[in-house]
C-alpha atoms as a PDB file:
ATOM      1  CA  UNK A   1     -11.769  28.995 -50.503  1.00  0.00           C
ATOM      2  CA  UNK A   2     -13.783  30.005 -53.566  1.00  0.00           C
ATOM      3  CA  UNK A   3     -17.127  29.468 -55.249  1.00  0.00           C
ATOM      4  CA  UNK A   4     -16.956  27.663 -58.583  1.00  0.00           C
ATOM      5  CA  UNK A   5     -19.750  27.440 -61.125  1.00  0.00           C
ATOM      6  CA  UNK A   6     -19.881  24.483 -63.461  1.00  0.00           C
ATOM      7  CA  UNK A   7     -21.579  23.682 -66.735  1.00  0.00           C
ATOM      8  CA  UNK A   8     -24.037  21.268 -65.106  1.00  0.00           C
ATOM      9  CA  UNK A   9     -25.902  24.069 -63.343  1.00  0.00           C
ATOM     10  CA  UNK A  10     -24.854  23.942 -59.720  1.00  0.00           C
ATOM     11  CA  UNK A  11     -22.162  25.829 -57.897  1.00  0.00           C
ATOM     12  CA  UNK A  12     -19.833  24.569 -55.222  1.00  0.00           C
ATOM     13  CA  UNK A  13     -17.507  26.000 -52.626  1.00  0.00           C
ATOM     14  CA  UNK A  14     -14.010  24.601 -53.121  1.00  0.00           C
ATOM     15  CA  UNK A  15     -12.282  24.586 -49.772  1.00  0.00           C
ATOM     16  CA  UNK A  16      -8.912  22.940 -50.212  1.00  0.00           C
ATOM     17  CA  UNK A  17      -7.621  20.712 -52.990  1.00  0.00           C
ATOM     18  CA  UNK A  18      -4.390  19.718 -51.262  1.00  0.00           C
ATOM     19  CA  UNK A  19      -5.509  18.147 -47.993  1.00  0.00           C
ATOM     20  CA  UNK A  20      -6.070  14.923 -46.108  1.00  0.00           C
ATOM     21  CA  UNK A  21      -8.706  13.302 -43.879  1.00  0.00           C
ATOM     22  CA  UNK A  22      -7.559  15.226 -40.799  1.00  0.00           C
ATOM     23  CA  UNK A  23      -8.082  18.512 -42.672  1.00  0.00           C
ATOM     24  CA  UNK A  24     -11.595  17.389 -43.639  1.00  0.00           C
ATOM     25  CA  UNK A  25     -12.566  16.524 -40.065  1.00  0.00           C
ATOM     26  CA  UNK A  26     -11.130  19.817 -38.760  1.00  0.00           C
ATOM     27  CA  UNK A  27     -13.009  21.794 -41.408  1.00  0.00           C
ATOM     28  CA  UNK A  28     -16.245  19.856 -40.728  1.00  0.00           C
ATOM     29  CA  UNK A  29     -16.058  20.839 -37.051  1.00  0.00           C
ATOM     30  CA  UNK A  30     -15.331  24.452 -37.907  1.00  0.00           C
ATOM     31  CA  UNK A  31     -18.181  24.578 -40.431  1.00  0.00           C
ATOM     32  CA  UNK A  32     -20.619  23.184 -37.860  1.00  0.00           C
ATOM     33  CA  UNK A  33     -19.526  25.818 -35.372  1.00  0.00           C
ATOM     34  CA  UNK A  34     -19.493  28.815 -37.741  1.00  0.00           C
ATOM     35  CA  UNK A  35     -22.673  28.018 -39.676  1.00  0.00           C
ATOM     36  CA  UNK A  36     -24.510  26.460 -36.718  1.00  0.00           C
ATOM     37  CA  UNK A  37     -25.340  23.301 -38.669  1.00  0.00           C
ATOM     38  CA  UNK A  38     -25.760  19.658 -37.711  1.00  0.00           C
ATOM     39  CA  UNK A  39     -24.817  16.791 -39.990  1.00  0.00           C
ATOM     40  CA  UNK A  40     -27.885  14.662 -40.679  1.00  0.00           C
ATOM     41  CA  UNK A  41     -26.228  11.822 -42.597  1.00  0.00           C
ATOM     42  CA  UNK A  42     -22.647  10.703 -43.079  1.00  0.00           C
ATOM     43  CA  UNK A  43     -21.182   8.375 -45.673  1.00  0.00           C
ATOM     44  CA  UNK A  44     -17.520   7.519 -45.180  1.00  0.00           C
ATOM     45  CA  UNK A  45     -16.025   5.530 -48.057  1.00  0.00           C
ATOM     46  CA  UNK A  46     -12.438   4.621 -48.826  1.00  0.00           C
ATOM     47  CA  UNK A  47     -11.666   7.600 -51.070  1.00  0.00           C
ATOM     48  CA  UNK A  48     -14.742   9.772 -50.493  1.00  0.00           C
ATOM     49  CA  UNK A  49     -16.695  11.296 -47.616  1.00  0.00           C
ATOM     50  CA  UNK A  50     -20.191  12.794 -48.007  1.00  0.00           C
ATOM     51  CA  UNK A  51     -21.767  14.545 -45.022  1.00  0.00           C
ATOM     52  CA  UNK A  52     -25.276  15.967 -45.495  1.00  0.00           C
ATOM     53  CA  UNK A  53     -26.564  19.006 -43.615  1.00  0.00           C
ATOM     54  CA  UNK A  54     -29.289  21.637 -43.886  1.00  0.00           C
ATOM     55  CA  UNK A  55     -28.502  25.325 -44.186  1.00  0.00           C
ATOM     56  CA  UNK A  56     -31.359  27.832 -44.251  1.00  0.00           C
ATOM     57  CA  UNK A  57     -33.887  25.262 -45.594  1.00  0.00           C
ATOM     58  CA  UNK A  58     -31.518  23.980 -48.287  1.00  0.00           C
ATOM     59  CA  UNK A  59     -29.920  20.531 -48.285  1.00  0.00           C
ATOM     60  CA  UNK A  60     -26.147  20.739 -48.707  1.00  0.00           C
ATOM     61  CA  UNK A  61     -23.343  18.204 -48.737  1.00  0.00           C
ATOM     62  CA  UNK A  62     -19.794  18.563 -47.459  1.00  0.00           C
ATOM     63  CA  UNK A  63     -17.589  16.291 -49.553  1.00  0.00           C
ATOM     64  CA  UNK A  64     -14.037  15.046 -49.476  1.00  0.00           C
ATOM     65  CA  UNK A  65     -12.234  13.142 -52.192  1.00  0.00           C
ATOM     66  CA  UNK A  66      -8.564  12.171 -51.948  1.00  0.00           C
ATOM     67  CA  UNK A  67      -7.954  13.581 -55.444  1.00  0.00           C
ATOM     68  CA  UNK A  68     -10.343  16.571 -55.487  1.00  0.00           C
ATOM     69  CA  UNK A  69     -10.144  17.803 -51.876  1.00  0.00           C
ATOM     70  CA  UNK A  70     -12.909  19.378 -49.789  1.00  0.00           C
ATOM     71  CA  UNK A  71     -16.012  21.029 -51.255  1.00  0.00           C
ATOM     72  CA  UNK A  72     -19.569  22.026 -50.350  1.00  0.00           C
ATOM     73  CA  UNK A  73     -22.432  21.930 -52.833  1.00  0.00           C
ATOM     74  CA  UNK A  74     -26.223  21.690 -52.901  1.00  0.00           C
ATOM     75  CA  UNK A  75     -27.313  18.095 -52.411  1.00  0.00           C
ATOM     76  CA  UNK A  76     -29.499  18.138 -55.547  1.00  0.00           C
ATOM     77  CA  UNK A  77     -26.394  18.415 -57.782  1.00  0.00           C
ATOM     78  CA  UNK A  78     -27.724  18.589 -61.392  1.00  0.00           C
ATOM     79  CA  UNK A  79     -31.257  19.433 -60.213  1.00  0.00           C
ATOM     80  CA  UNK A  80     -30.104  22.450 -58.228  1.00  0.00           C
ATOM     81  CA  UNK A  81     -32.139  25.622 -58.720  1.00  0.00           C
ATOM     82  CA  UNK A  82     -31.195  29.279 -58.320  1.00  0.00           C
ATOM     83  CA  UNK A  83     -32.528  29.306 -54.733  1.00  0.00           C
ATOM     84  CA  UNK A  84     -30.074  26.539 -53.767  1.00  0.00           C
ATOM     85  CA  UNK A  85     -27.181  28.373 -55.408  1.00  0.00           C
ATOM     86  CA  UNK A  86     -28.149  31.567 -53.560  1.00  0.00           C
ATOM     87  CA  UNK A  87     -28.123  29.704 -50.247  1.00  0.00           C
ATOM     88  CA  UNK A  88     -24.684  28.307 -51.097  1.00  0.00           C
ATOM     89  CA  UNK A  89     -23.473  31.875 -51.645  1.00  0.00           C
ATOM     90  CA  UNK A  90     -25.005  32.849 -48.297  1.00  0.00           C
ATOM     91  CA  UNK A  91     -23.186  29.964 -46.621  1.00  0.00           C
ATOM     92  CA  UNK A  92     -19.926  31.005 -48.288  1.00  0.00           C
ATOM     93  CA  UNK A  93     -20.313  34.546 -46.978  1.00  0.00           C
ATOM     94  CA  UNK A  94     -21.089  33.348 -43.461  1.00  0.00           C
ATOM     95  CA  UNK A  95     -17.983  31.131 -43.225  1.00  0.00           C
ATOM     96  CA  UNK A  96     -15.532  33.023 -45.427  1.00  0.00           C
ATOM     97  CA  UNK A  97     -12.331  32.521 -43.462  1.00  0.00           C
END
């Protein structure tokens, strides 16, 4: 698990790039337990999953893609500000397993 920063302006936590749906669901349960979050919206597509949640007043999304794996990033994506990136770092530190 690591934090990656990209050229678009938002950071993301990369969880596992070599995984499957079962790994995503197991991680989603563990994240909810460790970070004390509740998923507020879920989109389950054929190749992608997007589960929205709030962490310390910041909207985040837990994602899964069959090619890219599991990641967490601020929901604003390109419009993310430094506050959102700081909260992502805080989340990373609270669940660093």
